[in-house]
Amino acid sequence: MFYVERDADDNVIGLFLKPTASAAEALSFDHPDILAFLSPEHHQDDDAQDLLLSDLSMARVIEDLIEILINKNVLMLTELPEAAQTKILTRKSIRDKFAKVRDDLT
């Protein structure tokens, strides 16, 4: 579940894991408005789009690296700050849900 912030035209302009003053509307991760917001076509500026795509791919690299280090017992998840643990576990849960949706579509 994501909490969305919308602009005056009712377009999603921000996603949050917890409700905020400007983002109280809860939508499922596969809601069309969220998928549209995350799509590269949503971002008109080429540089902004390139940066967003780079950030997303880099986040995946870092997540995969952390997972490898944990699996090889080089790093224990509990050695990380609690906030980092929560973010990692939340992202893993979200990625697992997206993988399930992707698998269901194929």
N, C-alpha and C. Protein backbone atom coordinates (compact mmCIF):
# COMPACT_ATOMS: atom_id res chain seq x y z
N MET A 1 0.83 -1.17 0.00
CA MET A 1 0.00 0.00 0.00
C MET A 1 0.88 1.24 0.00
N PHE A 2 0.56 2.19 -0.86
CA PHE A 2 1.24 3.48 -0.91
C PHE A 2 0.24 4.58 -0.61
N TYR A 3 0.74 5.65 -0.07
CA TYR A 3 -0.07 6.85 0.13
C TYR A 3 0.38 7.84 -0.93
N VAL A 4 -0.59 8.42 -1.64
CA VAL A 4 -0.25 9.27 -2.77
C VAL A 4 -0.57 10.73 -2.50
N GLU A 5 0.28 11.56 -3.06
CA GLU A 5 0.05 13.00 -3.09
C GLU A 5 -0.35 13.33 -4.52
N ARG A 6 -1.36 14.18 -4.66
CA ARG A 6 -1.85 14.53 -5.99
C ARG A 6 -1.75 16.04 -6.21
N ASP A 7 -1.65 16.42 -7.49
CA ASP A 7 -1.63 17.84 -7.82
C ASP A 7 -3.06 18.32 -8.07
N ALA A 8 -3.20 19.57 -8.48
CA ALA A 8 -4.52 20.17 -8.71
C ALA A 8 -5.30 19.46 -9.82
N ASP A 9 -4.60 18.80 -10.73
CA ASP A 9 -5.25 18.07 -11.82
C ASP A 9 -5.51 16.60 -11.47
N ASP A 10 -5.32 16.25 -10.20
CA ASP A 10 -5.55 14.89 -9.67
C ASP A 10 -4.51 13.88 -10.14
N ASN A 11 -3.36 14.35 -10.60
CA ASN A 11 -2.26 13.47 -10.99
C ASN A 11 -1.41 13.13 -9.77
N VAL A 12 -0.94 11.91 -9.69
CA VAL A 12 -0.05 11.51 -8.60
C VAL A 12 1.29 12.22 -8.80
N ILE A 13 1.76 12.87 -7.74
CA ILE A 13 3.04 13.57 -7.81
C ILE A 13 4.02 13.10 -6.73
N GLY A 14 3.56 12.18 -5.87
CA GLY A 14 4.44 11.66 -4.84
C GLY A 14 3.89 10.39 -4.22
N LEU A 15 4.79 9.50 -3.80
CA LEU A 15 4.42 8.25 -3.14
C LEU A 15 5.07 8.19 -1.77
N PHE A 16 4.33 7.68 -0.80
CA PHE A 16 4.83 7.57 0.57
C PHE A 16 4.41 6.23 1.16
N LEU A 17 5.21 5.71 2.06
CA LEU A 17 4.87 4.46 2.73
C LEU A 17 3.92 4.68 3.91
N LYS A 18 3.90 5.90 4.41
CA LYS A 18 3.01 6.25 5.52
C LYS A 18 2.23 7.49 5.14
N PRO A 19 1.02 7.64 5.69
CA PRO A 19 0.24 8.84 5.34
C PRO A 19 0.91 10.11 5.85
N THR A 20 0.75 11.17 5.09
CA THR A 20 1.26 12.49 5.48
C THR A 20 0.10 13.48 5.34
N ALA A 21 0.36 14.71 5.73
CA ALA A 21 -0.67 15.74 5.61
C ALA A 21 -1.11 15.92 4.16
N SER A 22 -0.18 15.76 3.22
CA SER A 22 -0.51 15.96 1.81
C SER A 22 -0.76 14.64 1.07
N ALA A 23 -0.60 13.52 1.77
CA ALA A 23 -0.77 12.22 1.11
C ALA A 23 -1.50 11.26 2.04
N ALA A 24 -2.82 11.38 2.06
CA ALA A 24 -3.62 10.52 2.93
C ALA A 24 -4.34 9.42 2.16
N GLU A 25 -4.37 9.53 0.85
CA GLU A 25 -5.07 8.55 0.02
C GLU A 25 -4.22 7.29 -0.14
N ALA A 26 -4.77 6.15 0.24
CA ALA A 26 -4.05 4.88 0.14
C ALA A 26 -4.44 4.16 -1.14
N LEU A 27 -3.42 3.70 -1.89
CA LEU A 27 -3.65 2.93 -3.11
C LEU A 27 -2.77 1.69 -3.09
N SER A 28 -3.25 0.62 -3.71
CA SER A 28 -2.44 -0.60 -3.80
C SER A 28 -1.28 -0.37 -4.75
N PHE A 29 -0.22 -1.16 -4.58
CA PHE A 29 1.00 -0.98 -5.37
C PHE A 29 0.75 -1.15 -6.87
N ASP A 30 -0.31 -1.87 -7.24
CA ASP A 30 -0.57 -2.11 -8.65
C ASP A 30 -1.70 -1.23 -9.20
N HIS A 31 -2.07 -0.19 -8.45
CA HIS A 31 -3.11 0.73 -8.92
C HIS A 31 -2.62 1.45 -10.18
N PRO A 32 -3.49 1.63 -11.17
CA PRO A 32 -3.07 2.27 -12.42
C PRO A 32 -2.43 3.65 -12.24
N ASP A 33 -2.89 4.43 -11.27
CA ASP A 33 -2.31 5.76 -11.04
C ASP A 33 -0.86 5.65 -10.56
N ILE A 34 -0.57 4.65 -9.75
CA ILE A 34 0.80 4.46 -9.26
C ILE A 34 1.69 3.94 -10.39
N LEU A 35 1.19 2.98 -11.13
CA LEU A 35 1.98 2.45 -12.25
C LEU A 35 2.26 3.54 -13.28
N ALA A 36 1.29 4.42 -13.52
CA ALA A 36 1.50 5.53 -14.46
C ALA A 36 2.55 6.49 -13.92
N PHE A 37 2.50 6.77 -12.62
CA PHE A 37 3.48 7.68 -12.01
C PHE A 37 4.89 7.11 -12.12
N LEU A 38 5.04 5.80 -11.96
CA LEU A 38 6.35 5.16 -11.99
C LEU A 38 6.86 4.92 -13.40
N SER A 39 6.00 5.04 -14.39
CA SER A 39 6.43 4.76 -15.76
C SER A 39 7.34 5.88 -16.28
N PRO A 40 8.33 5.53 -17.09
CA PRO A 40 9.23 6.54 -17.65
C PRO A 40 8.51 7.59 -18.47
N GLU A 41 7.39 7.23 -19.11
CA GLU A 41 6.64 8.18 -19.94
C GLU A 41 6.08 9.34 -19.11
N HIS A 42 5.90 9.11 -17.82
CA HIS A 42 5.36 10.13 -16.93
C HIS A 42 6.30 11.31 -16.78
N HIS A 43 7.57 11.06 -16.92
CA HIS A 43 8.58 12.10 -16.69
C HIS A 43 9.02 12.69 -18.02
N GLN A 44 8.62 13.93 -18.26
CA GLN A 44 8.83 14.56 -19.55
C GLN A 44 10.27 14.98 -19.80
N ASP A 45 10.92 15.53 -18.81
CA ASP A 45 12.27 16.05 -18.95
C ASP A 45 13.25 14.88 -19.10
N ASP A 46 14.01 14.86 -20.20
CA ASP A 46 14.92 13.74 -20.47
C ASP A 46 15.96 13.56 -19.37
N ASP A 47 16.54 14.67 -18.89
CA ASP A 47 17.55 14.56 -17.84
C ASP A 47 16.93 14.02 -16.56
N ALA A 48 15.74 14.51 -16.21
CA ALA A 48 15.07 14.02 -15.00
C ALA A 48 14.72 12.55 -15.15
N GLN A 49 14.29 12.16 -16.33
CA GLN A 49 13.95 10.76 -16.59
C GLN A 49 15.21 9.89 -16.48
N ASP A 50 16.30 10.34 -17.08
CA ASP A 50 17.55 9.58 -17.00
C ASP A 50 18.01 9.43 -15.56
N LEU A 51 17.90 10.51 -14.79
CA LEU A 51 18.31 10.47 -13.39
C LEU A 51 17.41 9.52 -12.60
N LEU A 52 16.10 9.58 -12.83
CA LEU A 52 15.17 8.69 -12.14
C LEU A 52 15.47 7.24 -12.47
N LEU A 53 15.64 6.94 -13.73
CA LEU A 53 15.94 5.57 -14.13
C LEU A 53 17.27 5.10 -13.55
N SER A 54 18.25 6.00 -13.53
CA SER A 54 19.54 5.67 -12.93
C SER A 54 19.40 5.40 -11.44
N ASP A 55 18.63 6.24 -10.74
CA ASP A 55 18.40 6.04 -9.31
C ASP A 55 17.73 4.70 -9.05
N LEU A 56 16.72 4.38 -9.86
CA LEU A 56 16.01 3.13 -9.66
C LEU A 56 16.91 1.93 -9.89
N SER A 57 17.71 1.99 -10.94
CA SER A 57 18.60 0.86 -11.21
C SER A 57 19.70 0.77 -10.15
N MET A 58 20.19 1.91 -9.69
CA MET A 58 21.21 1.90 -8.65
C MET A 58 20.65 1.35 -7.34
N ALA A 59 19.41 1.69 -7.04
CA ALA A 59 18.78 1.15 -5.83
C ALA A 59 18.73 -0.37 -5.90
N ARG A 60 18.42 -0.90 -7.08
CA ARG A 60 18.38 -2.35 -7.25
C ARG A 60 19.76 -2.96 -7.06
N VAL A 61 20.79 -2.29 -7.57
CA VAL A 61 22.16 -2.78 -7.41
C VAL A 61 22.51 -2.84 -5.92
N ILE A 62 22.20 -1.79 -5.20
CA ILE A 62 22.52 -1.74 -3.77
C ILE A 62 21.73 -2.80 -3.01
N GLU A 63 20.45 -2.95 -3.33
CA GLU A 63 19.65 -4.00 -2.68
C GLU A 63 20.24 -5.38 -2.95
N ASP A 64 20.60 -5.64 -4.20
CA ASP A 64 21.19 -6.94 -4.55
C ASP A 64 22.51 -7.15 -3.83
N LEU A 65 23.33 -6.11 -3.73
CA LEU A 65 24.60 -6.20 -3.03
C LEU A 65 24.39 -6.53 -1.55
N ILE A 66 23.45 -5.86 -0.92
CA ILE A 66 23.16 -6.12 0.49
C ILE A 66 22.69 -7.55 0.66
N GLU A 67 21.83 -8.01 -0.24
CA GLU A 67 21.33 -9.38 -0.16
C GLU A 67 22.47 -10.40 -0.30
N ILE A 68 23.38 -10.15 -1.22
CA ILE A 68 24.53 -11.04 -1.40
C ILE A 68 25.39 -11.07 -0.14
N LEU A 69 25.68 -9.90 0.42
CA LEU A 69 26.49 -9.84 1.64
C LEU A 69 25.83 -10.56 2.80
N ILE A 70 24.51 -10.45 2.90
CA ILE A 70 23.79 -11.15 3.97
C ILE A 70 23.82 -12.65 3.73
N ASN A 71 23.58 -13.07 2.48
CA ASN A 71 23.57 -14.50 2.16
C ASN A 71 24.94 -15.15 2.38
N LYS A 72 26.01 -14.37 2.21
CA LYS A 72 27.37 -14.90 2.40
C LYS A 72 27.84 -14.71 3.85
N ASN A 73 26.95 -14.25 4.71
CA ASN A 73 27.26 -14.02 6.12
C ASN A 73 28.40 -13.02 6.33
N VAL A 74 28.56 -12.10 5.40
CA VAL A 74 29.53 -11.02 5.53
C VAL A 74 28.89 -9.90 6.35
N LEU A 75 27.58 -9.79 6.21
CA LEU A 75 26.82 -8.74 6.88
C LEU A 75 25.55 -9.36 7.44
N MET A 76 25.20 -8.96 8.64
CA MET A 76 23.93 -9.40 9.22
C MET A 76 22.95 -8.23 9.14
N LEU A 77 21.74 -8.54 8.73
CA LEU A 77 20.73 -7.49 8.62
C LEU A 77 20.60 -6.73 9.94
N THR A 78 20.72 -7.43 11.04
CA THR A 78 20.57 -6.80 12.36
C THR A 78 21.72 -5.85 12.70
N GLU A 79 22.81 -5.89 11.92
CA GLU A 79 23.91 -4.95 12.15
C GLU A 79 23.59 -3.56 11.60
N LEU A 80 22.62 -3.49 10.73
CA LEU A 80 22.24 -2.22 10.15
C LEU A 80 21.30 -1.47 11.09
N PRO A 81 21.24 -0.16 10.97
CA PRO A 81 20.29 0.60 11.80
C PRO A 81 18.86 0.10 11.55
N GLU A 82 18.02 0.22 12.56
CA GLU A 82 16.66 -0.28 12.46
C GLU A 82 15.91 0.32 11.27
N ALA A 83 16.11 1.61 11.02
CA ALA A 83 15.44 2.25 9.89
C ALA A 83 15.87 1.62 8.56
N ALA A 84 17.15 1.29 8.44
CA ALA A 84 17.65 0.65 7.22
C ALA A 84 17.07 -0.76 7.09
N GLN A 85 16.99 -1.49 8.20
CA GLN A 85 16.40 -2.82 8.18
C GLN A 85 14.96 -2.76 7.68
N THR A 86 14.21 -1.82 8.21
CA THR A 86 12.80 -1.67 7.82
C THR A 86 12.69 -1.35 6.34
N LYS A 87 13.51 -0.44 5.84
CA LYS A 87 13.46 -0.08 4.43
C LYS A 87 13.82 -1.27 3.55
N ILE A 88 14.84 -2.01 3.93
CA ILE A 88 15.26 -3.17 3.14
C ILE A 88 14.15 -4.21 3.10
N LEU A 89 13.57 -4.51 4.25
CA LEU A 89 12.51 -5.52 4.31
C LEU A 89 11.26 -5.05 3.57
N THR A 90 10.95 -3.77 3.66
CA THR A 90 9.79 -3.23 2.94
C THR A 90 10.00 -3.33 1.45
N ARG A 91 11.19 -2.93 0.98
CA ARG A 91 11.49 -3.01 -0.46
C ARG A 91 11.46 -4.46 -0.94
N LYS A 92 11.99 -5.37 -0.13
CA LYS A 92 11.95 -6.78 -0.52
C LYS A 92 10.51 -7.26 -0.65
N SER A 93 9.67 -6.88 0.27
CA SER A 93 8.26 -7.25 0.22
C SER A 93 7.59 -6.69 -1.03
N ILE A 94 7.87 -5.43 -1.34
CA ILE A 94 7.29 -4.80 -2.52
C ILE A 94 7.79 -5.47 -3.79
N ARG A 95 9.09 -5.74 -3.85
CA ARG A 95 9.65 -6.41 -5.03
C ARG A 95 9.04 -7.79 -5.21
N ASP A 96 8.83 -8.51 -4.10
CA ASP A 96 8.21 -9.83 -4.17
C ASP A 96 6.78 -9.73 -4.71
N LYS A 97 6.04 -8.68 -4.29
CA LYS A 97 4.67 -8.50 -4.77
C LYS A 97 4.67 -8.19 -6.26
N PHE A 98 5.58 -7.32 -6.71
CA PHE A 98 5.66 -7.00 -8.13
C PHE A 98 6.04 -8.24 -8.92
N ALA A 99 6.93 -9.05 -8.40
CA ALA A 99 7.33 -10.27 -9.09
C ALA A 99 6.13 -11.21 -9.23
N LYS A 100 5.31 -11.28 -8.18
CA LYS A 100 4.11 -12.14 -8.24
C LYS A 100 3.15 -11.62 -9.30
N VAL A 101 2.92 -10.31 -9.34
CA VAL A 101 2.04 -9.74 -10.35
C VAL A 101 2.60 -10.00 -11.74
N ARG A 102 3.91 -9.80 -11.91
CA ARG A 102 4.54 -10.04 -13.20
C ARG A 102 4.39 -11.51 -13.60
N ASP A 103 4.61 -12.42 -12.65
CA ASP A 103 4.48 -13.84 -12.94
C ASP A 103 3.05 -14.21 -13.29
N ASP A 104 2.08 -13.56 -12.61
CA ASP A 104 0.67 -13.84 -12.90
C ASP A 104 0.28 -13.36 -14.30
N LEU A 105 0.94 -12.31 -14.78
CA LEU A 105 0.63 -11.76 -16.11
C LEU A 105 1.24 -12.58 -17.23
N THR A 106 2.26 -13.35 -16.93
CA THR A 106 2.93 -14.13 -18.00
C THR A 106 2.45 -15.56 -18.02
